[in-house]
Amino acid sequence: MTLPLLYTYRRCPFAMRARMALLQAVVAFQAHEVSLRDKPPAMLALSPKGTVPVLVMPSGAVLEQSLDIMRWAFEQTGDADHWWASAQTAKNMAWQQACDGPFKHHLDRYKYPQRFADAMTREHHFQQAVAVLLGPLEQPLHTQPQLGGVSPCAADIGIFPFVRQFAAVDPERFKALPLPAVKAWLAGWLESGLFAEAMRKPAL
């Protein structure tokens, strides 16, 4: 193995942000698309958690968390464009924590209520997801186009895949939210070349 090997799944938001970071940092890697119903034994041997993404280095070192993969990607080029450094401000770290914590909690129960016996109503989780992340994001995105300011940063691509997933559950409901800046930010990322490249199917 001469390139880092990324075990990934195209629609997984954690894997999506890892791919976007590797591509943005122009770090060459080999992608292995995983079937969630038939996970590769080699991946499970390296990472018993059984979830993607997992990045395996030619040295044999393994990164199992998407944010660690993102940080590693930008470190490879010295973070020349400050994508990682700009994501480490107190505000952007708080947005990322809100995304990966309470927002993801409510997103899962809004999208897959049948999977959670303890879940409250879908309406409750919809409203809470808006309250813990989307509503608060409206103010900064109203005054600047990206969480990185004028230019995007790792916080943008770290959060975008989860907002994308939320919006796709009920597009009309999302469209009706009074959050024009968040919707414009999301639309921009959906139309970006980086996202298109990250969603390209790996060559067989």
N, C-alpha and C. Protein backbone atom coordinates (compact mmCIF):
# COMPACT_ATOMS: atom_id res chain seq x y z
N MET A 1 0.84 -1.19 0.00
CA MET A 1 0.00 0.00 0.00
C MET A 1 0.88 1.24 0.00
N THR A 2 0.76 2.05 -1.04
CA THR A 2 1.59 3.25 -1.16
C THR A 2 0.83 4.53 -0.81
N LEU A 3 -0.50 4.48 -0.80
CA LEU A 3 -1.32 5.62 -0.45
C LEU A 3 -2.15 5.30 0.80
N PRO A 4 -2.51 6.30 1.58
CA PRO A 4 -3.45 6.06 2.67
C PRO A 4 -4.75 5.46 2.10
N LEU A 5 -5.31 4.51 2.82
CA LEU A 5 -6.54 3.84 2.41
C LEU A 5 -7.68 4.33 3.29
N LEU A 6 -8.71 4.90 2.66
CA LEU A 6 -9.86 5.41 3.39
C LEU A 6 -11.04 4.46 3.20
N TYR A 7 -11.46 3.83 4.28
CA TYR A 7 -12.72 3.08 4.26
C TYR A 7 -13.83 4.11 4.43
N THR A 8 -14.77 4.12 3.50
CA THR A 8 -15.74 5.20 3.47
C THR A 8 -17.09 4.69 3.00
N TYR A 9 -18.09 5.52 3.12
CA TYR A 9 -19.43 5.25 2.61
C TYR A 9 -19.96 6.58 2.12
N ARG A 10 -20.38 6.66 0.87
CA ARG A 10 -20.65 7.95 0.23
C ARG A 10 -21.65 8.79 0.99
N ARG A 11 -22.70 8.19 1.54
CA ARG A 11 -23.77 8.97 2.16
C ARG A 11 -23.58 9.23 3.64
N CYS A 12 -22.56 8.67 4.24
CA CYS A 12 -22.30 8.89 5.66
C CYS A 12 -21.71 10.29 5.86
N PRO A 13 -22.32 11.13 6.69
CA PRO A 13 -21.80 12.50 6.85
C PRO A 13 -20.42 12.55 7.48
N PHE A 14 -20.11 11.60 8.36
CA PHE A 14 -18.77 11.57 8.95
C PHE A 14 -17.73 11.27 7.88
N ALA A 15 -18.01 10.27 7.04
CA ALA A 15 -17.10 9.93 5.96
C ALA A 15 -17.03 11.04 4.92
N MET A 16 -18.16 11.70 4.69
CA MET A 16 -18.22 12.78 3.70
C MET A 16 -17.27 13.91 4.08
N ARG A 17 -17.28 14.30 5.35
CA ARG A 17 -16.41 15.41 5.72
C ARG A 17 -14.94 15.00 5.71
N ALA A 18 -14.66 13.74 5.98
CA ALA A 18 -13.28 13.27 5.88
C ALA A 18 -12.80 13.32 4.43
N ARG A 19 -13.64 12.89 3.49
CA ARG A 19 -13.26 12.93 2.07
C ARG A 19 -13.08 14.37 1.60
N MET A 20 -13.96 15.26 2.02
CA MET A 20 -13.86 16.66 1.61
C MET A 20 -12.56 17.28 2.12
N ALA A 21 -12.17 16.94 3.34
CA ALA A 21 -10.92 17.48 3.88
C ALA A 21 -9.71 16.96 3.12
N LEU A 22 -9.68 15.67 2.85
CA LEU A 22 -8.56 15.09 2.10
C LEU A 22 -8.45 15.71 0.72
N LEU A 23 -9.59 15.91 0.07
CA LEU A 23 -9.59 16.51 -1.26
C LEU A 23 -9.17 17.97 -1.21
N GLN A 24 -9.70 18.72 -0.26
CA GLN A 24 -9.35 20.13 -0.15
C GLN A 24 -7.86 20.30 0.15
N ALA A 25 -7.31 19.43 0.97
CA ALA A 25 -5.90 19.50 1.31
C ALA A 25 -5.00 18.92 0.22
N VAL A 26 -5.61 18.36 -0.81
CA VAL A 26 -4.89 17.74 -1.94
C VAL A 26 -3.96 16.65 -1.42
N VAL A 27 -4.52 15.80 -0.57
CA VAL A 27 -3.80 14.63 -0.07
C VAL A 27 -4.29 13.41 -0.84
N ALA A 28 -3.41 12.77 -1.56
CA ALA A 28 -3.79 11.59 -2.34
C ALA A 28 -4.16 10.45 -1.41
N PHE A 29 -5.23 9.75 -1.76
CA PHE A 29 -5.67 8.61 -0.96
C PHE A 29 -6.43 7.65 -1.86
N GLN A 30 -6.54 6.44 -1.39
CA GLN A 30 -7.34 5.42 -2.07
C GLN A 30 -8.61 5.21 -1.28
N ALA A 31 -9.76 5.27 -1.95
CA ALA A 31 -11.04 5.11 -1.27
C ALA A 31 -11.57 3.70 -1.46
N HIS A 32 -12.03 3.12 -0.38
CA HIS A 32 -12.68 1.81 -0.43
C HIS A 32 -14.11 1.99 0.05
N GLU A 33 -15.06 1.91 -0.87
CA GLU A 33 -16.47 2.06 -0.53
C GLU A 33 -16.96 0.83 0.21
N VAL A 34 -17.50 1.05 1.40
CA VAL A 34 -17.90 -0.05 2.27
C VAL A 34 -19.39 -0.32 2.13
N SER A 35 -19.77 -1.58 2.08
CA SER A 35 -21.16 -1.97 2.21
C SER A 35 -21.47 -2.13 3.70
N LEU A 36 -22.42 -1.35 4.18
CA LEU A 36 -22.70 -1.38 5.62
C LEU A 36 -23.27 -2.71 6.07
N ARG A 37 -23.78 -3.48 5.11
CA ARG A 37 -24.32 -4.81 5.45
C ARG A 37 -23.26 -5.90 5.37
N ASP A 38 -22.11 -5.57 4.81
CA ASP A 38 -21.06 -6.57 4.64
C ASP A 38 -19.72 -5.86 4.80
N LYS A 39 -19.40 -5.49 6.02
CA LYS A 39 -18.20 -4.71 6.28
C LYS A 39 -16.95 -5.56 6.08
N PRO A 40 -15.93 -5.00 5.47
CA PRO A 40 -14.72 -5.77 5.17
C PRO A 40 -14.05 -6.27 6.45
N PRO A 41 -13.71 -7.56 6.52
CA PRO A 41 -13.00 -8.07 7.69
C PRO A 41 -11.70 -7.31 7.98
N ALA A 42 -11.03 -6.85 6.91
CA ALA A 42 -9.77 -6.12 7.11
C ALA A 42 -10.02 -4.82 7.86
N MET A 43 -11.13 -4.15 7.54
CA MET A 43 -11.46 -2.91 8.25
C MET A 43 -11.80 -3.20 9.70
N LEU A 44 -12.58 -4.24 9.93
CA LEU A 44 -12.99 -4.58 11.30
C LEU A 44 -11.79 -5.01 12.15
N ALA A 45 -10.81 -5.62 11.53
CA ALA A 45 -9.61 -6.02 12.26
C ALA A 45 -8.82 -4.80 12.71
N LEU A 46 -8.83 -3.77 11.88
CA LEU A 46 -8.09 -2.54 12.19
C LEU A 46 -8.88 -1.62 13.11
N SER A 47 -10.21 -1.66 12.97
CA SER A 47 -11.07 -0.73 13.70
C SER A 47 -12.34 -1.46 14.12
N PRO A 48 -12.32 -2.12 15.26
CA PRO A 48 -13.47 -2.93 15.70
C PRO A 48 -14.75 -2.13 15.88
N LYS A 49 -14.70 -0.80 15.95
CA LYS A 49 -15.92 -0.01 16.08
C LYS A 49 -16.85 -0.23 14.90
N GLY A 50 -16.30 -0.59 13.75
CA GLY A 50 -17.13 -0.99 12.61
C GLY A 50 -17.84 0.12 11.89
N THR A 51 -17.43 1.37 12.12
CA THR A 51 -18.06 2.49 11.43
C THR A 51 -17.02 3.23 10.60
N VAL A 52 -17.50 3.91 9.58
CA VAL A 52 -16.62 4.71 8.74
C VAL A 52 -16.71 6.17 9.18
N PRO A 53 -15.66 6.95 8.88
CA PRO A 53 -14.48 6.59 8.10
C PRO A 53 -13.38 5.97 8.96
N VAL A 54 -12.52 5.24 8.28
CA VAL A 54 -11.29 4.74 8.88
C VAL A 54 -10.18 4.99 7.87
N LEU A 55 -9.11 5.64 8.29
CA LEU A 55 -7.98 5.92 7.41
C LEU A 55 -6.79 5.10 7.87
N VAL A 56 -6.27 4.29 6.95
CA VAL A 56 -5.12 3.43 7.23
C VAL A 56 -3.91 3.96 6.48
N MET A 57 -2.87 4.26 7.20
CA MET A 57 -1.65 4.78 6.60
C MET A 57 -0.80 3.64 6.03
N PRO A 58 0.07 3.94 5.07
CA PRO A 58 1.00 2.92 4.59
C PRO A 58 1.86 2.33 5.71
N SER A 59 2.09 3.11 6.75
CA SER A 59 2.88 2.63 7.90
C SER A 59 2.11 1.64 8.76
N GLY A 60 0.78 1.59 8.56
CA GLY A 60 -0.08 0.75 9.39
C GLY A 60 -0.81 1.53 10.46
N ALA A 61 -0.46 2.78 10.67
CA ALA A 61 -1.18 3.62 11.64
C ALA A 61 -2.62 3.82 11.17
N VAL A 62 -3.53 3.94 12.13
CA VAL A 62 -4.96 4.02 11.82
C VAL A 62 -5.58 5.23 12.51
N LEU A 63 -6.36 5.97 11.74
CA LEU A 63 -7.18 7.05 12.30
C LEU A 63 -8.64 6.63 12.18
N GLU A 64 -9.36 6.64 13.31
CA GLU A 64 -10.72 6.11 13.34
C GLU A 64 -11.80 7.17 13.46
N GLN A 65 -11.42 8.42 13.69
CA GLN A 65 -12.41 9.47 13.88
C GLN A 65 -12.29 10.50 12.76
N SER A 66 -13.44 10.97 12.28
CA SER A 66 -13.45 11.86 11.13
C SER A 66 -12.71 13.16 11.40
N LEU A 67 -12.85 13.74 12.57
CA LEU A 67 -12.16 15.00 12.86
C LEU A 67 -10.66 14.80 12.92
N ASP A 68 -10.21 13.64 13.39
CA ASP A 68 -8.78 13.34 13.39
C ASP A 68 -8.25 13.22 11.96
N ILE A 69 -9.06 12.62 11.09
CA ILE A 69 -8.67 12.51 9.68
C ILE A 69 -8.59 13.89 9.05
N MET A 70 -9.56 14.74 9.35
CA MET A 70 -9.55 16.09 8.81
C MET A 70 -8.30 16.85 9.27
N ARG A 71 -8.02 16.79 10.56
CA ARG A 71 -6.84 17.49 11.09
C ARG A 71 -5.57 16.96 10.42
N TRP A 72 -5.45 15.65 10.31
CA TRP A 72 -4.27 15.06 9.69
C TRP A 72 -4.13 15.52 8.25
N ALA A 73 -5.23 15.58 7.52
CA ALA A 73 -5.19 15.98 6.12
C ALA A 73 -4.61 17.38 5.97
N PHE A 74 -5.11 18.32 6.75
CA PHE A 74 -4.64 19.70 6.62
C PHE A 74 -3.21 19.87 7.14
N GLU A 75 -2.82 19.04 8.10
CA GLU A 75 -1.46 19.11 8.61
C GLU A 75 -0.43 18.69 7.56
N GLN A 76 -0.85 17.86 6.59
CA GLN A 76 0.10 17.35 5.61
C GLN A 76 0.67 18.45 4.72
N THR A 77 -0.07 19.51 4.55
CA THR A 77 0.40 20.63 3.74
C THR A 77 0.66 21.87 4.59
N GLY A 78 0.80 21.68 5.89
CA GLY A 78 1.08 22.79 6.78
C GLY A 78 -0.09 23.73 6.96
N ASP A 79 -1.28 23.29 6.56
CA ASP A 79 -2.49 24.11 6.70
C ASP A 79 -2.26 25.51 6.13
N ALA A 80 -1.71 25.53 4.92
CA ALA A 80 -1.30 26.80 4.31
C ALA A 80 -2.45 27.79 4.16
N ASP A 81 -3.65 27.28 3.91
CA ASP A 81 -4.81 28.16 3.72
C ASP A 81 -5.62 28.34 5.00
N HIS A 82 -5.10 27.82 6.11
CA HIS A 82 -5.70 28.02 7.44
C HIS A 82 -7.09 27.39 7.58
N TRP A 83 -7.34 26.35 6.81
CA TRP A 83 -8.65 25.70 6.93
C TRP A 83 -8.83 25.09 8.32
N TRP A 84 -7.80 24.44 8.83
CA TRP A 84 -7.92 23.82 10.15
C TRP A 84 -7.80 24.86 11.26
N ALA A 85 -6.84 25.75 11.13
CA ALA A 85 -6.63 26.76 12.17
C ALA A 85 -7.88 27.62 12.36
N SER A 86 -8.54 27.97 11.27
CA SER A 86 -9.73 28.83 11.37
C SER A 86 -10.89 28.09 12.03
N ALA A 87 -10.86 26.77 11.99
CA ALA A 87 -11.91 25.98 12.63
C ALA A 87 -11.68 25.82 14.12
N GLN A 88 -10.51 26.25 14.61
CA GLN A 88 -10.17 26.04 16.02
C GLN A 88 -10.47 27.24 16.90
N THR A 89 -11.17 28.24 16.37
CA THR A 89 -11.61 29.33 17.23
C THR A 89 -12.65 28.79 18.21
N ALA A 90 -12.82 29.48 19.30
CA ALA A 90 -13.78 29.03 20.32
C ALA A 90 -15.18 28.89 19.73
N LYS A 91 -15.59 29.85 18.89
CA LYS A 91 -16.93 29.79 18.32
C LYS A 91 -17.09 28.61 17.37
N ASN A 92 -16.10 28.42 16.49
CA ASN A 92 -16.24 27.32 15.53
C ASN A 92 -16.14 25.96 16.20
N MET A 93 -15.33 25.85 17.22
CA MET A 93 -15.28 24.59 17.96
C MET A 93 -16.61 24.33 18.67
N ALA A 94 -17.25 25.39 19.15
CA ALA A 94 -18.56 25.23 19.79
C ALA A 94 -19.60 24.80 18.78
N TRP A 95 -19.55 25.37 17.56
CA TRP A 95 -20.50 24.94 16.51
C TRP A 95 -20.29 23.46 16.19
N GLN A 96 -19.02 23.05 16.09
CA GLN A 96 -18.74 21.66 15.75
C GLN A 96 -19.23 20.72 16.85
N GLN A 97 -19.02 21.11 18.09
CA GLN A 97 -19.49 20.29 19.20
C GLN A 97 -21.01 20.21 19.24
N ALA A 98 -21.68 21.32 18.93
CA ALA A 98 -23.14 21.30 18.88
C ALA A 98 -23.63 20.40 17.76
N CYS A 99 -22.93 20.41 16.65
CA CYS A 99 -23.31 19.56 15.52
C CYS A 99 -23.16 18.08 15.87
N ASP A 100 -22.00 17.73 16.39
CA ASP A 100 -21.72 16.31 16.64
C ASP A 100 -22.42 15.79 17.89
N GLY A 101 -22.85 16.69 18.75
CA GLY A 101 -23.53 16.29 19.97
C GLY A 101 -25.03 16.39 19.87
N PRO A 102 -25.64 17.46 20.38
CA PRO A 102 -27.10 17.53 20.42
C PRO A 102 -27.77 17.54 19.05
N PHE A 103 -27.16 18.20 18.06
CA PHE A 103 -27.80 18.23 16.74
C PHE A 103 -27.86 16.83 16.15
N LYS A 104 -26.76 16.08 16.21
CA LYS A 104 -26.74 14.72 15.68
C LYS A 104 -27.73 13.84 16.45
N HIS A 105 -27.84 14.04 17.74
CA HIS A 105 -28.81 13.28 18.55
C HIS A 105 -30.22 13.49 18.01
N HIS A 106 -30.62 14.73 17.81
CA HIS A 106 -31.98 15.00 17.34
C HIS A 106 -32.15 14.65 15.86
N LEU A 107 -31.11 14.84 15.07
CA LEU A 107 -31.18 14.45 13.65
C LEU A 107 -31.46 12.97 13.50
N ASP A 108 -30.77 12.13 14.24
CA ASP A 108 -30.99 10.68 14.15
C ASP A 108 -32.43 10.32 14.49
N ARG A 109 -32.97 10.94 15.50
CA ARG A 109 -34.33 10.60 15.95
C ARG A 109 -35.40 11.23 15.07
N TYR A 110 -35.06 12.32 14.42
CA TYR A 110 -35.96 12.92 13.43
C TYR A 110 -35.99 12.10 12.15
N LYS A 111 -34.83 11.61 11.72
CA LYS A 111 -34.76 10.85 10.47
C LYS A 111 -35.17 9.39 10.65
N TYR A 112 -34.79 8.79 11.77
CA TYR A 112 -35.03 7.37 11.99
C TYR A 112 -35.79 7.14 13.30
N PRO A 113 -37.00 7.65 13.45
CA PRO A 113 -37.70 7.51 14.74
C PRO A 113 -37.94 6.06 15.12
N GLN A 114 -38.05 5.18 14.12
CA GLN A 114 -38.32 3.77 14.41
C GLN A 114 -37.15 3.07 15.07
N ARG A 115 -35.98 3.66 15.01
CA ARG A 115 -34.79 3.03 15.57
C ARG A 115 -34.60 3.34 17.05
N PHE A 116 -35.37 4.29 17.57
CA PHE A 116 -35.11 4.76 18.93
C PHE A 116 -36.38 4.63 19.77
N ALA A 117 -36.36 3.63 20.65
CA ALA A 117 -37.53 3.38 21.48
C ALA A 117 -37.79 4.53 22.44
N ASP A 118 -36.73 5.27 22.79
CA ASP A 118 -36.88 6.35 23.75
C ASP A 118 -37.17 7.70 23.08
N ALA A 119 -37.30 7.69 21.77
CA ALA A 119 -37.47 8.95 21.04
C ALA A 119 -38.82 9.59 21.34
N MET A 120 -38.83 10.91 21.39
CA MET A 120 -40.08 11.64 21.48
C MET A 120 -40.60 11.82 20.06
N THR A 121 -41.53 12.71 19.86
CA THR A 121 -42.13 12.84 18.54
C THR A 121 -41.12 13.41 17.53
N ARG A 122 -41.34 13.13 16.26
CA ARG A 122 -40.48 13.68 15.21
C ARG A 122 -40.51 15.20 15.26
N GLU A 123 -41.67 15.76 15.57
CA GLU A 123 -41.78 17.21 15.64
C GLU A 123 -40.86 17.77 16.73
N HIS A 124 -40.83 17.08 17.87
CA HIS A 124 -39.94 17.51 18.95
C HIS A 124 -38.50 17.53 18.48
N HIS A 125 -38.06 16.48 17.83
CA HIS A 125 -36.66 16.40 17.41
C HIS A 125 -36.36 17.37 16.28
N PHE A 126 -37.32 17.63 15.41
CA PHE A 126 -37.16 18.65 14.38
C PHE A 126 -36.92 20.01 15.04
N GLN A 127 -37.78 20.37 15.96
CA GLN A 127 -37.68 21.67 16.61
C GLN A 127 -36.39 21.80 17.42
N GLN A 128 -36.00 20.75 18.09
CA GLN A 128 -34.78 20.80 18.90
C GLN A 128 -33.54 20.89 18.02
N ALA A 129 -33.54 20.20 16.89
CA ALA A 129 -32.41 20.29 15.97
C ALA A 129 -32.24 21.72 15.46
N VAL A 130 -33.34 22.36 15.15
CA VAL A 130 -33.30 23.76 14.73
C VAL A 130 -32.79 24.64 15.87
N ALA A 131 -33.25 24.36 17.07
CA ALA A 131 -32.91 25.21 18.22
C ALA A 131 -31.44 25.11 18.61
N VAL A 132 -30.86 23.92 18.52
CA VAL A 132 -29.49 23.75 19.03
C VAL A 132 -28.43 24.11 18.02
N LEU A 133 -28.77 24.16 16.72
CA LEU A 133 -27.73 24.47 15.74
C LEU A 133 -28.18 25.39 14.61
N LEU A 134 -29.23 25.02 13.91
CA LEU A 134 -29.58 25.77 12.70
C LEU A 134 -29.99 27.20 13.00
N GLY A 135 -30.83 27.38 14.01
CA GLY A 135 -31.24 28.73 14.38
C GLY A 135 -30.06 29.59 14.81
N PRO A 136 -29.22 29.10 15.74
CA PRO A 136 -28.06 29.88 16.14
C PRO A 136 -27.07 30.18 15.01
N LEU A 137 -26.98 29.29 14.01
CA LEU A 137 -26.06 29.52 12.90
C LEU A 137 -26.51 30.66 11.99
N GLU A 138 -27.78 31.00 12.03
CA GLU A 138 -28.30 32.02 11.13
C GLU A 138 -27.58 33.36 11.32
N GLN A 139 -27.30 33.72 12.55
CA GLN A 139 -26.69 35.04 12.79
C GLN A 139 -25.29 35.15 12.19
N PRO A 140 -24.36 34.24 12.50
CA PRO A 140 -23.03 34.40 11.88
C PRO A 140 -23.05 34.28 10.37
N LEU A 141 -23.90 33.40 9.84
CA LEU A 141 -23.94 33.23 8.39
C LEU A 141 -24.69 34.37 7.71
N HIS A 142 -25.38 35.16 8.48
CA HIS A 142 -26.02 36.36 7.93
C HIS A 142 -25.01 37.49 7.74
N THR A 143 -23.96 37.47 8.55
CA THR A 143 -22.96 38.53 8.49
C THR A 143 -21.70 38.13 7.73
N GLN A 144 -21.52 36.84 7.48
CA GLN A 144 -20.36 36.35 6.74
C GLN A 144 -20.79 35.10 5.97
N PRO A 145 -20.20 34.86 4.79
CA PRO A 145 -20.69 33.76 3.96
C PRO A 145 -20.34 32.37 4.47
N GLN A 146 -19.29 32.26 5.27
CA GLN A 146 -18.84 30.96 5.75
C GLN A 146 -18.51 31.05 7.24
N LEU A 147 -18.44 29.92 7.90
CA LEU A 147 -18.03 29.92 9.30
C LEU A 147 -16.57 30.35 9.44
N GLY A 148 -15.80 30.17 8.37
CA GLY A 148 -14.43 30.66 8.37
C GLY A 148 -14.32 32.14 8.10
N GLY A 149 -15.43 32.80 7.83
CA GLY A 149 -15.43 34.23 7.51
C GLY A 149 -15.72 34.43 6.04
N VAL A 150 -14.87 35.18 5.37
CA VAL A 150 -15.01 35.37 3.93
C VAL A 150 -14.72 34.06 3.20
N SER A 151 -13.76 33.31 3.71
CA SER A 151 -13.39 32.02 3.12
C SER A 151 -13.83 30.89 4.04
N PRO A 152 -14.09 29.72 3.47
CA PRO A 152 -14.52 28.58 4.30
C PRO A 152 -13.38 28.02 5.12
N CYS A 153 -13.74 27.19 6.07
CA CYS A 153 -12.75 26.50 6.89
C CYS A 153 -13.26 25.09 7.18
N ALA A 154 -12.49 24.35 7.96
CA ALA A 154 -12.85 22.97 8.26
C ALA A 154 -14.16 22.86 9.02
N ALA A 155 -14.56 23.89 9.75
CA ALA A 155 -15.85 23.85 10.44
C ALA A 155 -17.00 23.81 9.44
N ASP A 156 -16.85 24.51 8.32
CA ASP A 156 -17.90 24.49 7.30
C ASP A 156 -18.11 23.09 6.76
N ILE A 157 -17.02 22.43 6.36
CA ILE A 157 -17.18 21.09 5.80
C ILE A 157 -17.40 20.05 6.89
N GLY A 158 -17.09 20.41 8.13
CA GLY A 158 -17.37 19.49 9.23
C GLY A 158 -18.84 19.44 9.60
N ILE A 159 -19.54 20.54 9.36
CA ILE A 159 -20.95 20.65 9.74
C ILE A 159 -21.89 20.46 8.55
N PHE A 160 -21.47 20.92 7.39
CA PHE A 160 -22.32 20.87 6.20
C PHE A 160 -22.97 19.52 5.93
N PRO A 161 -22.25 18.38 5.98
CA PRO A 161 -22.89 17.11 5.65
C PRO A 161 -24.08 16.75 6.54
N PHE A 162 -24.05 17.22 7.78
CA PHE A 162 -25.12 16.92 8.72
C PHE A 162 -26.34 17.81 8.47
N VAL A 163 -26.08 19.07 8.11
CA VAL A 163 -27.18 19.96 7.75
C VAL A 163 -27.82 19.46 6.45
N ARG A 164 -27.00 19.00 5.53
CA ARG A 164 -27.51 18.41 4.28
C ARG A 164 -28.44 17.24 4.59
N GLN A 165 -28.03 16.37 5.50
CA GLN A 165 -28.84 15.21 5.85
C GLN A 165 -30.16 15.63 6.48
N PHE A 166 -30.09 16.62 7.36
CA PHE A 166 -31.31 17.12 8.00
C PHE A 166 -32.27 17.68 6.95
N ALA A 167 -31.77 18.50 6.05
CA ALA A 167 -32.62 19.14 5.04
C ALA A 167 -33.27 18.11 4.13
N ALA A 168 -32.59 17.00 3.88
CA ALA A 168 -33.09 15.99 2.94
C ALA A 168 -34.21 15.14 3.53
N VAL A 169 -34.38 15.14 4.83
CA VAL A 169 -35.45 14.34 5.44
C VAL A 169 -36.81 14.80 4.94
N ASP A 170 -37.02 16.10 4.96
CA ASP A 170 -38.28 16.70 4.49
C ASP A 170 -37.93 18.04 3.84
N PRO A 171 -37.56 18.02 2.55
CA PRO A 171 -37.08 19.23 1.89
C PRO A 171 -38.05 20.40 1.96
N GLU A 172 -39.33 20.13 1.86
CA GLU A 172 -40.30 21.22 1.90
C GLU A 172 -40.37 21.85 3.29
N ARG A 173 -40.28 21.02 4.29
CA ARG A 173 -40.28 21.54 5.68
C ARG A 173 -39.04 22.40 5.92
N PHE A 174 -37.90 21.92 5.44
CA PHE A 174 -36.68 22.69 5.59
C PHE A 174 -36.77 24.01 4.81
N LYS A 175 -37.31 23.94 3.61
CA LYS A 175 -37.43 25.13 2.77
C LYS A 175 -38.28 26.21 3.45
N ALA A 176 -39.23 25.79 4.27
CA ALA A 176 -40.13 26.73 4.93
C ALA A 176 -39.52 27.40 6.16
N LEU A 177 -38.37 26.92 6.61
CA LEU A 177 -37.75 27.52 7.80
C LEU A 177 -37.30 28.96 7.50
N PRO A 178 -37.48 29.87 8.44
CA PRO A 178 -37.08 31.26 8.24
C PRO A 178 -35.58 31.46 8.51
N LEU A 179 -34.77 30.71 7.75
CA LEU A 179 -33.32 30.73 7.95
C LEU A 179 -32.64 30.95 6.59
N PRO A 180 -32.80 32.13 5.99
CA PRO A 180 -32.28 32.33 4.63
C PRO A 180 -30.76 32.19 4.53
N ALA A 181 -30.04 32.62 5.54
CA ALA A 181 -28.58 32.54 5.47
C ALA A 181 -28.10 31.09 5.54
N VAL A 182 -28.70 30.31 6.41
CA VAL A 182 -28.34 28.89 6.52
C VAL A 182 -28.67 28.16 5.22
N LYS A 183 -29.81 28.46 4.65
CA LYS A 183 -30.21 27.80 3.40
C LYS A 183 -29.30 28.21 2.25
N ALA A 184 -28.87 29.46 2.20
CA ALA A 184 -27.95 29.91 1.16
C ALA A 184 -26.58 29.25 1.32
N TRP A 185 -26.12 29.15 2.56
CA TRP A 185 -24.85 28.47 2.87
C TRP A 185 -24.91 27.01 2.43
N LEU A 186 -26.00 26.32 2.78
CA LEU A 186 -26.16 24.93 2.40
C LEU A 186 -26.19 24.78 0.88
N ALA A 187 -26.95 25.62 0.21
CA ALA A 187 -27.05 25.56 -1.25
C ALA A 187 -25.69 25.75 -1.90
N GLY A 188 -24.90 26.66 -1.36
CA GLY A 188 -23.57 26.91 -1.91
C GLY A 188 -22.69 25.68 -1.83
N TRP A 189 -22.76 25.00 -0.71
CA TRP A 189 -21.94 23.79 -0.56
C TRP A 189 -22.46 22.65 -1.44
N LEU A 190 -23.76 22.54 -1.56
CA LEU A 190 -24.33 21.49 -2.41
C LEU A 190 -23.92 21.68 -3.88
N GLU A 191 -23.69 22.92 -4.27
CA GLU A 191 -23.32 23.23 -5.65
C GLU A 191 -21.81 23.32 -5.86
N SER A 192 -21.06 23.10 -4.81
CA SER A 192 -19.60 23.30 -4.89
C SER A 192 -18.91 22.15 -5.61
N GLY A 193 -17.80 22.48 -6.24
CA GLY A 193 -17.00 21.45 -6.89
C GLY A 193 -16.40 20.47 -5.90
N LEU A 194 -16.07 20.95 -4.69
CA LEU A 194 -15.50 20.07 -3.67
C LEU A 194 -16.50 18.99 -3.28
N PHE A 195 -17.75 19.37 -3.09
CA PHE A 195 -18.77 18.38 -2.73
C PHE A 195 -18.98 17.40 -3.88
N ALA A 196 -19.03 17.90 -5.12
CA ALA A 196 -19.22 17.02 -6.28
C ALA A 196 -18.09 15.99 -6.36
N GLU A 197 -16.88 16.44 -6.13
CA GLU A 197 -15.74 15.51 -6.18
C GLU A 197 -15.81 14.50 -5.05
N ALA A 198 -16.22 14.95 -3.86
CA ALA A 198 -16.30 14.05 -2.71
C ALA A 198 -17.37 12.99 -2.89
N MET A 199 -18.39 13.28 -3.69
CA MET A 199 -19.49 12.34 -3.89
C MET A 199 -19.30 11.46 -5.13
N ARG A 200 -18.20 11.65 -5.82
CA ARG A 200 -17.95 10.82 -7.00
C ARG A 200 -17.70 9.38 -6.55
N LYS A 201 -18.30 8.45 -7.26
CA LYS A 201 -18.14 7.04 -6.91
C LYS A 201 -16.70 6.61 -7.17
N PRO A 202 -16.10 5.89 -6.21
CA PRO A 202 -14.73 5.41 -6.42
C PRO A 202 -14.66 4.49 -7.64
N ALA A 203 -13.54 4.57 -8.35
CA ALA A 203 -13.34 3.68 -9.49
C ALA A 203 -13.22 2.25 -9.00
N LEU A 204 -13.83 1.35 -9.76
CA LEU A 204 -13.80 -0.07 -9.37
C LEU A 204 -12.44 -0.68 -9.72
